């Protein structure tokens, strides 16, 4: 294991120097927004997988259906890309048809800190093709969001549940404020392999490996159209802000990009040894 943490953005090639047969490479893809976001993923993921020899893929799909929620058909569509786990957030409840799937498909997560009695679960433990166990935890923040159970306490409970079943642990923390997401990163530093923030759709440039070797980005950004406001056509968004009334939003269409993160993790310790932030054009 390389004892020196490597922090790099997508324009650096230093990460390749740290990967070895003793590591696994995880790809986390930020919020897929509508059909344009799905097209961006379809256009970029196969090449990314081949170029980087990715072992495990996690994709946040809470906005995959027209910007709000996800459907059974969309999960089936994305399954063709060989995605290992789907994380979500507060919009997972928007399409009622998906609720039974939360119970029937263990790969589709919802934030674990919703109250007991809701369908679904917030923890998935899968395996790479080489047999390495990878745990994925999905949590939701509380600042300027719903009054849920504490994501910090629930994180502790889930790590106890994982125990020695997986050394490699990735956390999708779906939260509104940068401070809460950064707090979670430091809270879990040294106890999980990576904490990646989602929800705000705006990628942050603070990719780093924390002191105890947990990879962290405050928000990985969205995968979809960057021509509008957080993935939606700006005309409708401006009207909503100007008039202070609700207005239906339309997903934008142009300037497609995939936003995400690649992290190399030491198999024996679960520590991150390399991190690369991604923002990749995905136009035809």
Foldseek 3Di string as FASTA:
>chain_A
DDPDAAFAAPVDDVQVVFDDPQKAKEWEWAEQAEPQLVLLCVQPLVVVCVVVVHFAYEYEHCRHHQGAADAPVVVVVCVVSVHQAYEYEDRNPVDVRCQVVLQVPLRYAYAAQADPPGGHHFKDWDATPVGAIEMEGEHEDDVVHPPTHHRLVVVVVVLVVCPPVHLAYEYEYEYDDLVVQVVVCVSCQLPHAEYEYHHQQDFDPPFTQDPNQHTYGSHQHHFGAPPDHSQWNPVQVVVCVVVVDDDDTGGDHDFGWITIKMWMARRVRNGTRYIYTDTGTRDD
